[in-house]
C-alpha atoms as a PDB file:
ATOM      1  CA  MET A   1      20.001   4.119  18.844  1.00  0.00           C
ATOM      2  CA  THR A   2      18.314   1.792  16.492  1.00  0.00           C
ATOM      3  CA  ASP A   3      21.633  -0.290  14.971  1.00  0.00           C
ATOM      4  CA  TYR A   4      20.373  -1.078  11.470  1.00  0.00           C
ATOM      5  CA  SER A   5      23.648  -2.663  11.000  1.00  0.00           C
ATOM      6  CA  THR A   6      22.846  -5.838  12.398  1.00  0.00           C
ATOM      7  CA  LEU A   7      19.304  -5.643  11.492  1.00  0.00           C
ATOM      8  CA  LEU A   8      19.865  -5.641   8.231  1.00  0.00           C
ATOM      9  CA  ASP A   9      21.232  -7.919   5.626  1.00  0.00           C
ATOM     10  CA  ALA A  10      23.978  -7.086   2.365  1.00  0.00           C
ATOM     11  CA  GLU A  11      21.098  -7.844   0.092  1.00  0.00           C
ATOM     12  CA  THR A  12      18.632  -5.329   1.627  1.00  0.00           C
ATOM     13  CA  TRP A  13      21.606  -2.648   2.284  1.00  0.00           C
ATOM     14  CA  ALA A  14      22.173  -3.187  -1.402  1.00  0.00           C
ATOM     15  CA  PHE A  15      18.868  -2.319  -2.694  1.00  0.00           C
ATOM     16  CA  ILE A  16      18.768   0.954  -0.221  1.00  0.00           C
ATOM     17  CA  ARG A  17      21.541   1.860  -1.490  1.00  0.00           C
ATOM     18  CA  GLU A  18      20.561   1.115  -5.023  1.00  0.00           C
ATOM     19  CA  THR A  19      17.513   3.004  -4.153  1.00  0.00           C
ATOM     20  CA  GLU A  20      19.433   5.972  -2.933  1.00  0.00           C
ATOM     21  CA  ARG A  21      21.187   6.733  -6.180  1.00  0.00           C
ATOM     22  CA  TRP A  22      17.979   7.254  -7.638  1.00  0.00           C
ATOM     23  CA  TYR A  23      16.321   8.902  -4.748  1.00  0.00           C
ATOM     24  CA  PRO A  24      18.296  10.523  -2.446  1.00  0.00           C
ATOM     25  CA  PRO A  25      17.303  10.411   1.425  1.00  0.00           C
ATOM     26  CA  ASP A  26      16.972  14.247   1.082  1.00  0.00           C
ATOM     27  CA  THR A  27      14.480  14.357  -1.838  1.00  0.00           C
ATOM     28  CA  ALA A  28      11.405  15.305   0.630  1.00  0.00           C
ATOM     29  CA  GLU A  29      13.200  18.178   0.767  1.00  0.00           C
ATOM     30  CA  MET A  30      12.592  19.492  -2.974  1.00  0.00           C
ATOM     31  CA  SER A  31       9.854  21.052  -4.334  1.00  0.00           C
ATOM     32  CA  VAL A  32       7.724  18.930  -5.593  1.00  0.00           C
ATOM     33  CA  ALA A  33       8.361  18.272  -9.493  1.00  0.00           C
ATOM     34  CA  ASP A  34      11.876  17.669  -8.438  1.00  0.00           C
ATOM     35  CA  GLN A  35      10.705  14.533  -6.135  1.00  0.00           C
ATOM     36  CA  ARG A  36       8.236  13.735  -8.932  1.00  0.00           C
ATOM     37  CA  ARG A  37      10.614  13.757 -11.452  1.00  0.00           C
ATOM     38  CA  ILE A  38      13.459  11.957  -9.319  1.00  0.00           C
ATOM     39  CA  TYR A  39      10.831   9.249  -8.241  1.00  0.00           C
ATOM     40  CA  ASP A  40       9.615   8.286 -11.387  1.00  0.00           C
ATOM     41  CA  ALA A  41      13.126   7.715 -12.763  1.00  0.00           C
ATOM     42  CA  MET A  42      13.967   5.745  -9.547  1.00  0.00           C
ATOM     43  CA  CYS A  43      10.698   3.604 -10.646  1.00  0.00           C
ATOM     44  CA  ARG A  44      11.827   3.146 -14.520  1.00  0.00           C
ATOM     45  CA  ALA A  45      15.254   1.687 -13.132  1.00  0.00           C
ATOM     46  CA  PHE A  46      13.435  -0.583 -10.955  1.00  0.00           C
ATOM     47  CA  HIS A  47      10.530  -1.960 -12.898  1.00  0.00           C
ATOM     48  CA  THR A  48      11.221  -5.693 -13.743  1.00  0.00           C
ATOM     49  CA  GLY A  49       8.644  -5.748 -16.511  1.00  0.00           C
ATOM     50  CA  ARG A  50       4.985  -7.333 -16.791  1.00  0.00           C
ATOM     51  CA  PRO A  51       5.069 -11.479 -17.070  1.00  0.00           C
ATOM     52  CA  GLU A  52       3.928 -13.103 -20.210  1.00  0.00           C
ATOM     53  CA  GLY A  53      -0.059 -13.171 -20.827  1.00  0.00           C
ATOM     54  CA  ILE A  54      -0.800 -10.170 -19.030  1.00  0.00           C
ATOM     55  CA  THR A  55      -2.501  -7.435 -20.788  1.00  0.00           C
ATOM     56  CA  THR A  56      -2.955  -3.918 -20.058  1.00  0.00           C
ATOM     57  CA  ALA A  57      -5.610  -1.050 -21.005  1.00  0.00           C
ATOM     58  CA  ASP A  58      -5.421   2.337 -19.593  1.00  0.00           C
ATOM     59  CA  ASP A  59      -9.213   4.065 -18.821  1.00  0.00           C
ATOM     60  CA  HIS A  60     -11.111   6.207 -17.087  1.00  0.00           C
ATOM     61  CA  VAL A  61     -13.603   4.765 -14.517  1.00  0.00           C
ATOM     62  CA  GLY A  62     -15.715   6.502 -12.777  1.00  0.00           C
ATOM     63  CA  GLY A  63     -13.952   9.825 -14.441  1.00  0.00           C
ATOM     64  CA  VAL A  64     -10.591   8.769 -12.930  1.00  0.00           C
ATOM     65  CA  PRO A  65      -7.528   7.505 -14.916  1.00  0.00           C
ATOM     66  CA  VAL A  66      -6.976   4.008 -14.166  1.00  0.00           C
ATOM     67  CA  ARG A  67      -4.795   0.742 -15.949  1.00  0.00           C
ATOM     68  CA  ARG A  68      -6.130  -2.354 -15.965  1.00  0.00           C
ATOM     69  CA  TYR A  69      -4.528  -5.547 -15.897  1.00  0.00           C
ATOM     70  CA  ARG A  70      -5.945  -8.812 -16.945  1.00  0.00           C
ATOM     71  CA  ALA A  71      -4.648 -12.515 -17.076  1.00  0.00           C
ATOM     72  CA  SER A  72      -5.526 -14.837 -19.647  1.00  0.00           C
ATOM     73  CA  GLY A  73      -8.780 -16.330 -19.103  1.00  0.00           C
ATOM     74  CA  PRO A  74     -12.810 -14.867 -19.470  1.00  0.00           C
ATOM     75  CA  GLU A  75     -13.749 -11.700 -17.290  1.00  0.00           C
ATOM     76  CA  GLU A  76     -14.826 -13.301 -14.278  1.00  0.00           C
ATOM     77  CA  GLY A  77     -14.305 -13.634 -10.744  1.00  0.00           C
ATOM     78  CA  PRO A  78     -13.266 -10.417  -8.311  1.00  0.00           C
ATOM     79  CA  THR A  79     -11.491  -7.877  -9.037  1.00  0.00           C
ATOM     80  CA  VAL A  80      -8.001  -6.406  -7.194  1.00  0.00           C
ATOM     81  CA  LEU A  81      -8.320  -2.210  -6.382  1.00  0.00           C
ATOM     82  CA  TYR A  82      -4.955  -1.373  -6.035  1.00  0.00           C
ATOM     83  CA  MET A  83      -3.850   2.086  -4.988  1.00  0.00           C
ATOM     84  CA  HIS A  84       0.214   3.143  -5.354  1.00  0.00           C
ATOM     85  CA  GLY A  85       2.048   4.308  -2.625  1.00  0.00           C
ATOM     86  CA  GLY A  86       4.019   8.164  -2.685  1.00  0.00           C
ATOM     87  CA  GLY A  87       2.836   9.883   0.518  1.00  0.00           C
ATOM     88  CA  PHE A  88       0.009  11.165  -1.360  1.00  0.00           C
ATOM     89  CA  VAL A  89       2.385  13.394  -3.227  1.00  0.00           C
ATOM     90  CA  VAL A  90       4.356  11.065  -5.938  1.00  0.00           C
ATOM     91  CA  GLY A  91       3.625   8.073  -7.815  1.00  0.00           C
ATOM     92  CA  SER A  92       1.353   7.203 -11.125  1.00  0.00           C
ATOM     93  CA  LEU A  93       0.176   4.085 -12.679  1.00  0.00           C
ATOM     94  CA  ASP A  94       3.715   3.809 -14.202  1.00  0.00           C
ATOM     95  CA  SER A  95       5.299   3.629 -10.836  1.00  0.00           C
ATOM     96  CA  HIS A  96       3.710   0.076  -9.482  1.00  0.00           C
ATOM     97  CA  ASP A  97       2.917  -0.706 -12.846  1.00  0.00           C
ATOM     98  CA  ASP A  98       5.045  -4.668 -12.253  1.00  0.00           C
ATOM     99  CA  VAL A  99       3.694  -4.778  -8.913  1.00  0.00           C
ATOM    100  CA  CYS A 100       0.439  -4.828 -10.058  1.00  0.00           C
ATOM    101  CA  ALA A 101       1.144  -7.050 -13.155  1.00  0.00           C
ATOM    102  CA  ASP A 102       3.048  -9.407 -10.976  1.00  0.00           C
ATOM    103  CA  LEU A 103       0.002  -9.643  -8.590  1.00  0.00           C
ATOM    104  CA  CYS A 104      -2.366 -10.080 -12.010  1.00  0.00           C
ATOM    105  CA  ALA A 105      -0.233 -13.507 -12.955  1.00  0.00           C
ATOM    106  CA  ALA A 106       0.104 -15.220  -9.703  1.00  0.00           C
ATOM    107  CA  SER A 107      -3.860 -14.083  -8.885  1.00  0.00           C
ATOM    108  CA  SER A 108      -4.850 -14.715 -11.972  1.00  0.00           C
ATOM    109  CA  LEU A 109      -7.472 -12.064 -10.183  1.00  0.00           C
ATOM    110  CA  ASP A 110      -8.492  -8.489 -12.708  1.00  0.00           C
ATOM    111  CA  VAL A 111      -6.162  -5.996 -11.324  1.00  0.00           C
ATOM    112  CA  VAL A 112      -7.782  -1.968 -11.501  1.00  0.00           C
ATOM    113  CA  SER A 113      -4.732   0.752 -10.606  1.00  0.00           C
ATOM    114  CA  ILE A 114      -5.729   3.922  -9.890  1.00  0.00           C
ATOM    115  CA  ASP A 115      -4.133   7.273 -11.141  1.00  0.00           C
ATOM    116  CA  TYR A 116      -5.742   9.302  -8.042  1.00  0.00           C
ATOM    117  CA  ARG A 117      -5.080  12.644  -7.534  1.00  0.00           C
ATOM    118  CA  LEU A 118      -2.008  13.883  -6.068  1.00  0.00           C
ATOM    119  CA  SER A 119      -1.140  16.739  -3.426  1.00  0.00           C
ATOM    120  CA  PRO A 120      -0.305  19.733  -2.858  1.00  0.00           C
ATOM    121  CA  GLU A 121      -2.608  20.151  -5.826  1.00  0.00           C
ATOM    122  CA  HIS A 122      -5.372  18.240  -4.479  1.00  0.00           C
ATOM    123  CA  HIS A 123      -5.663  18.162  -0.472  1.00  0.00           C
ATOM    124  CA  HIS A 124      -7.600  15.327   1.136  1.00  0.00           C
ATOM    125  CA  PRO A 125     -10.147  14.142   0.281  1.00  0.00           C
ATOM    126  CA  ALA A 126      -9.519  13.882  -3.171  1.00  0.00           C
ATOM    127  CA  ALA A 127      -7.114  10.980  -3.451  1.00  0.00           C
ATOM    128  CA  PHE A 128     -10.145   8.814  -1.044  1.00  0.00           C
ATOM    129  CA  GLU A 129     -13.185  10.437  -3.388  1.00  0.00           C
ATOM    130  CA  ASP A 130     -10.551   9.479  -6.595  1.00  0.00           C
ATOM    131  CA  CYS A 131     -10.538   6.010  -5.044  1.00  0.00           C
ATOM    132  CA  GLN A 132     -14.276   5.891  -3.942  1.00  0.00           C
ATOM    133  CA  SER A 133     -15.453   6.683  -7.398  1.00  0.00           C
ATOM    134  CA  VAL A 134     -13.455   3.919  -8.967  1.00  0.00           C
ATOM    135  CA  LEU A 135     -15.024   1.678  -5.758  1.00  0.00           C
ATOM    136  CA  ASP A 136     -18.332   2.554  -6.194  1.00  0.00           C
ATOM    137  CA  CYS A 137     -18.509   1.520 -10.743  1.00  0.00           C
ATOM    138  CA  ILE A 138     -16.671  -1.591 -10.013  1.00  0.00           C
ATOM    139  CA  LEU A 139     -19.237  -2.652  -7.451  1.00  0.00           C
ATOM    140  CA  GLY A 140     -21.883  -1.356  -9.450  1.00  0.00           C
ATOM    141  CA  THR A 141     -20.611  -4.022 -12.047  1.00  0.00           C
ATOM    142  CA  GLY A 142     -21.661  -6.776  -9.428  1.00  0.00           C
ATOM    143  CA  ARG A 143     -18.012  -8.145  -9.247  1.00  0.00           C
ATOM    144  CA  PRO A 144     -16.198  -8.261  -5.163  1.00  0.00           C
ATOM    145  CA  VAL A 145     -13.461  -6.281  -4.777  1.00  0.00           C
ATOM    146  CA  ILE A 146     -10.195  -7.029  -2.903  1.00  0.00           C
ATOM    147  CA  LEU A 147      -8.601  -3.581  -1.763  1.00  0.00           C
ATOM    148  CA  ALA A 148      -4.868  -3.707  -1.573  1.00  0.00           C
ATOM    149  CA  GLY A 149      -2.066  -0.533  -1.669  1.00  0.00           C
ATOM    150  CA  ASP A 150       0.835   0.053  -0.339  1.00  0.00           C
ATOM    151  CA  SER A 151       2.104   3.011   1.681  1.00  0.00           C
ATOM    152  CA  ALA A 152      -0.255   5.660   1.494  1.00  0.00           C
ATOM    153  CA  GLY A 153      -1.956   3.265  -0.788  1.00  0.00           C
ATOM    154  CA  GLY A 154      -2.610   1.334   2.210  1.00  0.00           C
ATOM    155  CA  ASN A 155      -4.105   4.624   4.025  1.00  0.00           C
ATOM    156  CA  LEU A 156      -6.548   4.903   0.995  1.00  0.00           C
ATOM    157  CA  ALA A 157      -7.700   1.375   0.972  1.00  0.00           C
ATOM    158  CA  ALA A 158      -8.257   1.491   4.671  1.00  0.00           C
ATOM    159  CA  ALA A 159      -9.912   4.281   4.476  1.00  0.00           C
ATOM    160  CA  LEU A 160     -12.779   2.729   1.848  1.00  0.00           C
ATOM    161  CA  ALA A 161     -12.868  -0.504   4.035  1.00  0.00           C
ATOM    162  CA  HIS A 162     -14.087   1.707   6.595  1.00  0.00           C
ATOM    163  CA  PHE A 163     -16.078   3.866   4.486  1.00  0.00           C
ATOM    164  CA  ASN A 164     -18.015   0.890   2.622  1.00  0.00           C
ATOM    165  CA  ARG A 165     -18.848  -1.370   5.565  1.00  0.00           C
ATOM    166  CA  ARG A 166     -20.674  -4.362   4.671  1.00  0.00           C
ATOM    167  CA  ALA A 167     -20.351  -4.146   1.022  1.00  0.00           C
ATOM    168  CA  ALA A 168     -18.629  -6.533  -1.433  1.00  0.00           C
ATOM    169  CA  ILE A 169     -15.597  -5.915  -0.107  1.00  0.00           C
ATOM    170  CA  LEU A 170     -14.164  -9.729  -0.103  1.00  0.00           C
ATOM    171  CA  GLY A 171     -10.969  -8.373   1.730  1.00  0.00           C
ATOM    172  CA  GLN A 172      -8.095  -5.972   1.998  1.00  0.00           C
ATOM    173  CA  VAL A 173      -4.513  -6.625   1.912  1.00  0.00           C
ATOM    174  CA  LEU A 174      -2.523  -3.527   3.173  1.00  0.00           C
ATOM    175  CA  ILE A 175       1.353  -3.173   2.649  1.00  0.00           C
ATOM    176  CA  TYR A 176       3.504  -1.321   4.756  1.00  0.00           C
ATOM    177  CA  PRO A 177       0.301   1.148   5.883  1.00  0.00           C
ATOM    178  CA  GLY A 178       0.111   4.384   7.401  1.00  0.00           C
ATOM    179  CA  LEU A 179      -2.766   4.231   8.901  1.00  0.00           C
ATOM    180  CA  GLY A 180      -2.799   7.480  11.255  1.00  0.00           C
ATOM    181  CA  GLY A 181      -1.313   6.125  14.326  1.00  0.00           C
ATOM    182  CA  ASN A 182       0.309   7.972  17.395  1.00  0.00           C
ATOM    183  CA  LYS A 183       3.451   9.908  16.153  1.00  0.00           C
ATOM    184  CA  ASP A 184       4.536  10.421  19.978  1.00  0.00           C
ATOM    185  CA  ARG A 185       5.324   6.534  20.475  1.00  0.00           C
ATOM    186  CA  GLY A 186       6.557   3.230  19.574  1.00  0.00           C
ATOM    187  CA  SER A 187       7.729   2.300  15.963  1.00  0.00           C
ATOM    188  CA  TYR A 188       7.443   6.349  14.876  1.00  0.00           C
ATOM    189  CA  LEU A 189      10.488   6.725  17.866  1.00  0.00           C
ATOM    190  CA  VAL A 190      12.097   3.622  17.680  1.00  0.00           C
ATOM    191  CA  HIS A 191      12.543   3.919  13.668  1.00  0.00           C
ATOM    192  CA  ALA A 192      12.469   7.817  13.430  1.00  0.00           C
ATOM    193  CA  ASN A 193      15.695   7.471  11.226  1.00  0.00           C
ATOM    194  CA  ALA A 194      15.314   4.489   9.475  1.00  0.00           C
ATOM    195  CA  PRO A 195      16.352   4.311   6.018  1.00  0.00           C
ATOM    196  CA  MET A 196      14.434   4.927   3.024  1.00  0.00           C
ATOM    197  CA  LEU A 197      11.579   6.643   5.259  1.00  0.00           C
ATOM    198  CA  THR A 198      11.991   8.921   8.384  1.00  0.00           C
ATOM    199  CA  LEU A 199       9.310  10.497  10.858  1.00  0.00           C
ATOM    200  CA  ALA A 200      10.574  13.676   9.289  1.00  0.00           C
ATOM    201  CA  ASP A 201       9.373  12.165   6.326  1.00  0.00           C
ATOM    202  CA  LEU A 202       5.930  11.438   7.918  1.00  0.00           C
ATOM    203  CA  HIS A 203       5.531  14.935   9.153  1.00  0.00           C
ATOM    204  CA  TYR A 204       6.411  16.376   5.541  1.00  0.00           C
ATOM    205  CA  TYR A 205       3.801  14.042   3.861  1.00  0.00           C
ATOM    206  CA  ALA A 206       0.910  14.675   6.348  1.00  0.00           C
ATOM    207  CA  ASP A 207       1.165  18.099   6.104  1.00  0.00           C
ATOM    208  CA  VAL A 208       1.250  18.202   2.363  1.00  0.00           C
ATOM    209  CA  HIS A 209      -1.711  15.886   1.829  1.00  0.00           C
ATOM    210  CA  SER A 210      -4.059  17.600   4.644  1.00  0.00           C
ATOM    211  CA  GLY A 211      -2.901  20.812   3.682  1.00  0.00           C
ATOM    212  CA  GLY A 212      -1.551  22.095   7.175  1.00  0.00           C
ATOM    213  CA  ASP A 213      -4.825  21.260   9.043  1.00  0.00           C
ATOM    214  CA  ALA A 214      -5.175  17.503   9.370  1.00  0.00           C
ATOM    215  CA  PRO A 215      -8.905  16.196  10.471  1.00  0.00           C
ATOM    216  CA  LEU A 216      -9.509  14.744  13.364  1.00  0.00           C
ATOM    217  CA  GLY A 217     -11.756  11.868  13.978  1.00  0.00           C
ATOM    218  CA  ASP A 218     -12.122  11.060   9.890  1.00  0.00           C
ATOM    219  CA  PRO A 219     -11.162   7.490   9.341  1.00  0.00           C
ATOM    220  CA  THR A 220     -11.142   8.665   5.527  1.00  0.00           C
ATOM    221  CA  TYR A 221      -8.059  10.633   6.339  1.00  0.00           C
ATOM    222  CA  ALA A 222      -6.447   8.226   9.254  1.00  0.00           C
ATOM    223  CA  PRO A 223      -8.496   4.876   9.239  1.00  0.00           C
ATOM    224  CA  LEU A 224      -6.952   4.139  13.131  1.00  0.00           C
ATOM    225  CA  GLN A 225      -8.739   7.475  14.289  1.00  0.00           C
ATOM    226  CA  ASP A 226     -11.916   5.821  13.839  1.00  0.00           C
ATOM    227  CA  THR A 227     -13.805   4.333  16.946  1.00  0.00           C
ATOM    228  CA  ASP A 228     -15.702   1.587  15.422  1.00  0.00           C
ATOM    229  CA  PHE A 229     -13.489  -1.252  13.873  1.00  0.00           C
ATOM    230  CA  SER A 230     -16.400  -3.951  13.250  1.00  0.00           C
ATOM    231  CA  ASP A 231     -18.280  -4.668  10.352  1.00  0.00           C
ATOM    232  CA  LEU A 232     -14.600  -4.440   8.347  1.00  0.00           C
ATOM    233  CA  PRO A 233     -13.811  -6.781   5.699  1.00  0.00           C
ATOM    234  CA  PRO A 234     -11.485  -9.571   6.136  1.00  0.00           C
ATOM    235  CA  THR A 235      -8.101  -7.619   6.878  1.00  0.00           C
ATOM    236  CA  VAL A 236      -4.051  -9.042   6.358  1.00  0.00           C
ATOM    237  CA  ALA A 237      -1.604  -6.472   7.531  1.00  0.00           C
ATOM    238  CA  ILE A 238       2.085  -6.681   6.385  1.00  0.00           C
ATOM    239  CA  ALA A 239       4.576  -4.341   8.005  1.00  0.00           C
ATOM    240  CA  ALA A 240       8.127  -4.011   7.529  1.00  0.00           C
ATOM    241  CA  GLU A 241      10.258  -3.835  11.196  1.00  0.00           C
ATOM    242  CA  CYS A 242      12.702  -1.087  10.171  1.00  0.00           C
ATOM    243  CA  ASP A 243      10.323   1.276   9.336  1.00  0.00           C
ATOM    244  CA  PRO A 244       8.343   4.470  11.246  1.00  0.00           C
ATOM    245  CA  LEU A 245       4.769   2.746  10.298  1.00  0.00           C
ATOM    246  CA  THR A 246       4.950  -0.669  12.134  1.00  0.00           C
ATOM    247  CA  ASP A 247       2.823  -0.368  14.696  1.00  0.00           C
ATOM    248  CA  ASP A 248       0.370   0.786  12.758  1.00  0.00           C
ATOM    249  CA  ALA A 249      -0.485  -2.852  10.796  1.00  0.00           C
ATOM    250  CA  VAL A 250      -0.050  -4.118  14.522  1.00  0.00           C
ATOM    251  CA  VAL A 251      -2.493  -1.885  16.036  1.00  0.00           C
ATOM    252  CA  TYR A 252      -5.049  -1.575  13.171  1.00  0.00           C
ATOM    253  CA  ALA A 253      -5.268  -5.920  12.824  1.00  0.00           C
ATOM    254  CA  GLU A 254      -5.843  -5.639  16.776  1.00  0.00           C
ATOM    255  CA  CYS A 255      -9.036  -3.085  16.408  1.00  0.00           C
ATOM    256  CA  ILE A 256     -10.277  -5.326  14.093  1.00  0.00           C
ATOM    257  CA  THR A 257      -9.978  -8.404  16.000  1.00  0.00           C
ATOM    258  CA  SER A 258     -10.736  -6.685  18.915  1.00  0.00           C
ATOM    259  CA  ALA A 259     -14.147  -5.448  17.821  1.00  0.00           C
ATOM    260  CA  GLY A 260     -14.943  -9.210  16.422  1.00  0.00           C
ATOM    261  CA  GLY A 261     -13.346  -8.929  12.796  1.00  0.00           C
ATOM    262  CA  LYS A 262     -11.264 -11.092  11.615  1.00  0.00           C
ATOM    263  CA  ALA A 263      -7.293  -9.810  10.650  1.00  0.00           C
ATOM    264  CA  LEU A 264      -4.066 -10.957  10.588  1.00  0.00           C
ATOM    265  CA  ALA A 265      -0.914  -8.326  11.040  1.00  0.00           C
ATOM    266  CA  ILE A 266       2.780  -9.697   9.984  1.00  0.00           C
ATOM    267  CA  THR A 267       6.117  -7.766  10.884  1.00  0.00           C
ATOM    268  CA  GLU A 268       8.558  -8.747   8.206  1.00  0.00           C
ATOM    269  CA  ALA A 269      11.767  -9.177   9.733  1.00  0.00           C
ATOM    270  CA  GLY A 270      14.737  -6.825   9.012  1.00  0.00           C
ATOM    271  CA  LEU A 271      12.789  -4.977   6.074  1.00  0.00           C
ATOM    272  CA  VAL A 272      12.607  -1.302   5.217  1.00  0.00           C
ATOM    273  CA  HIS A 273       9.768   0.683   3.880  1.00  0.00           C
ATOM    274  CA  GLY A 274       9.144   0.545   0.133  1.00  0.00           C
ATOM    275  CA  TYR A 275      10.383  -3.020  -0.180  1.00  0.00           C
ATOM    276  CA  LEU A 276       8.525  -3.835  -2.601  1.00  0.00           C
ATOM    277  CA  ARG A 277      10.936  -2.367  -4.910  1.00  0.00           C
ATOM    278  CA  ALA A 278      13.293  -4.980  -3.960  1.00  0.00           C
ATOM    279  CA  ARG A 279      11.269  -8.420  -4.445  1.00  0.00           C
ATOM    280  CA  HIS A 280      13.615  -9.677  -7.272  1.00  0.00           C
ATOM    281  CA  SER A 281      16.607  -8.811  -5.383  1.00  0.00           C
ATOM    282  CA  VAL A 282      16.252  -9.342  -2.021  1.00  0.00           C
ATOM    283  CA  GLU A 283      15.367 -12.588  -0.619  1.00  0.00           C
ATOM    284  CA  ARG A 284      13.189 -11.323   2.168  1.00  0.00           C
ATOM    285  CA  ALA A 285      11.365  -9.178  -0.229  1.00  0.00           C
ATOM    286  CA  ARG A 286      10.754 -12.032  -2.027  1.00  0.00           C
ATOM    287  CA  THR A 287       9.243 -14.324   0.401  1.00  0.00           C
ATOM    288  CA  SER A 288       6.987 -11.006   1.680  1.00  0.00           C
ATOM    289  CA  PHE A 289       5.570 -11.271  -1.534  1.00  0.00           C
ATOM    290  CA  GLU A 290       4.523 -14.594  -2.037  1.00  0.00           C
ATOM    291  CA  ARG A 291       2.727 -13.569   1.167  1.00  0.00           C
ATOM    292  CA  ILE A 292       1.188 -10.958  -0.249  1.00  0.00           C
ATOM    293  CA  LYS A 293       0.005 -12.832  -3.497  1.00  0.00           C
ATOM    294  CA  THR A 294      -1.207 -15.889  -1.059  1.00  0.00           C
ATOM    295  CA  ALA A 295      -3.163 -13.241   1.014  1.00  0.00           C
ATOM    296  CA  ILE A 296      -5.087 -11.930  -2.691  1.00  0.00           C
ATOM    297  CA  ALA A 297      -5.888 -15.300  -3.655  1.00  0.00           C
ATOM    298  CA  MET A 298      -6.780 -17.003  -0.589  1.00  0.00           C
ATOM    299  CA  LEU A 299      -9.014 -13.805  -0.170  1.00  0.00           C
ATOM    300  CA  GLY A 300     -10.489 -13.754  -3.797  1.00  0.00           C
ATOM    301  CA  ASN A 301     -11.588 -17.149  -2.921  1.00  0.00           C
ATOM    302  CA  GLY A 302     -13.250 -16.250   0.073  1.00  0.00           C
ATOM    303  CA  GLN A 303     -10.581 -17.991   2.100  1.00  0.00           C
ATOM    304  CA  MET A 304      -9.062 -15.685   5.383  1.00  0.00           C
ATOM    305  CA  PRO A 305      -5.743 -16.591   5.751  1.00  0.00           C
ATOM    306  CA  SER A 306      -4.096 -17.650   8.463  1.00  0.00           C
ATOM    307  CA  ALA A 307      -0.616 -17.145   9.634  1.00  0.00           C
ATOM    308  CA  GLY A 308      -0.076 -20.850   8.712  1.00  0.00           C
ATOM    309  CA  ASP A 309      -1.000 -19.993   5.249  1.00  0.00           C
ATOM    310  CA  LEU A 310       1.456 -17.406   5.059  1.00  0.00           C
ATOM    311  CA  ALA A 311       4.542 -18.894   6.661  1.00  0.00           C
ATOM    312  CA  GLY A 312       7.621 -18.282   4.262  1.00  0.00           C
END
């Protein structure tokens, strides 16, 4: 059994306990309505506000609700397309509002957050189709895109990258993504009972997202199911060490580099799934978020980050 008492520091344990105060470990066993109510309350409790100079506007792009974030200055350059996490069941424009605002401020790039349809009301491929509609519209303006997302949002970002090979996508930044890896080995077993996310939770979310009949060989559902990893954009995949999904980021980066592409995987030591909410309270999470911001900024400038560029 994995000993998290040695892997996690006091700051991270404090973050976990505060999260569990709002979002108990058994929340995934509750009704969907209760899950969303609890998750929304937790996100409000952790919301840290928006940096000065960031303006927002709620809009519809391709018929899909979005929130636009802009820093001061002219409207030009790439757009960061952000897809929130939440297992395809919870999450909204508000749940990751401060994360998107922080990314906008750090990169000076426009950020568009997508309020894609959730399960179980809308099974796969509804969420992917919503994100694709937004991407089509943004690319149609002639502006290049950087794809970014955490957890389920990382899945959607990678799915878009696979579906839109050779499009004007400058890169993708995937944060503790769930990419459809083998749940019978590796980190899925080593960290099956990790704080914040368990293997049982992953099975639940997968069943809800698919409607109980998971598609096979469909990279828009599980990017690691693809058989072709060529012609994908430069990729930075960031995993938390204490997370069943750790191996997904590592294996995905290896698949891309083996196909001749550019990819970098980083496993953040002593961090847990959902640590974006700890970026202002846990030093390890703060350092990781600096890496994420640097990766997005460099990709926006047409540069593939190296491990040295992202060293904390």
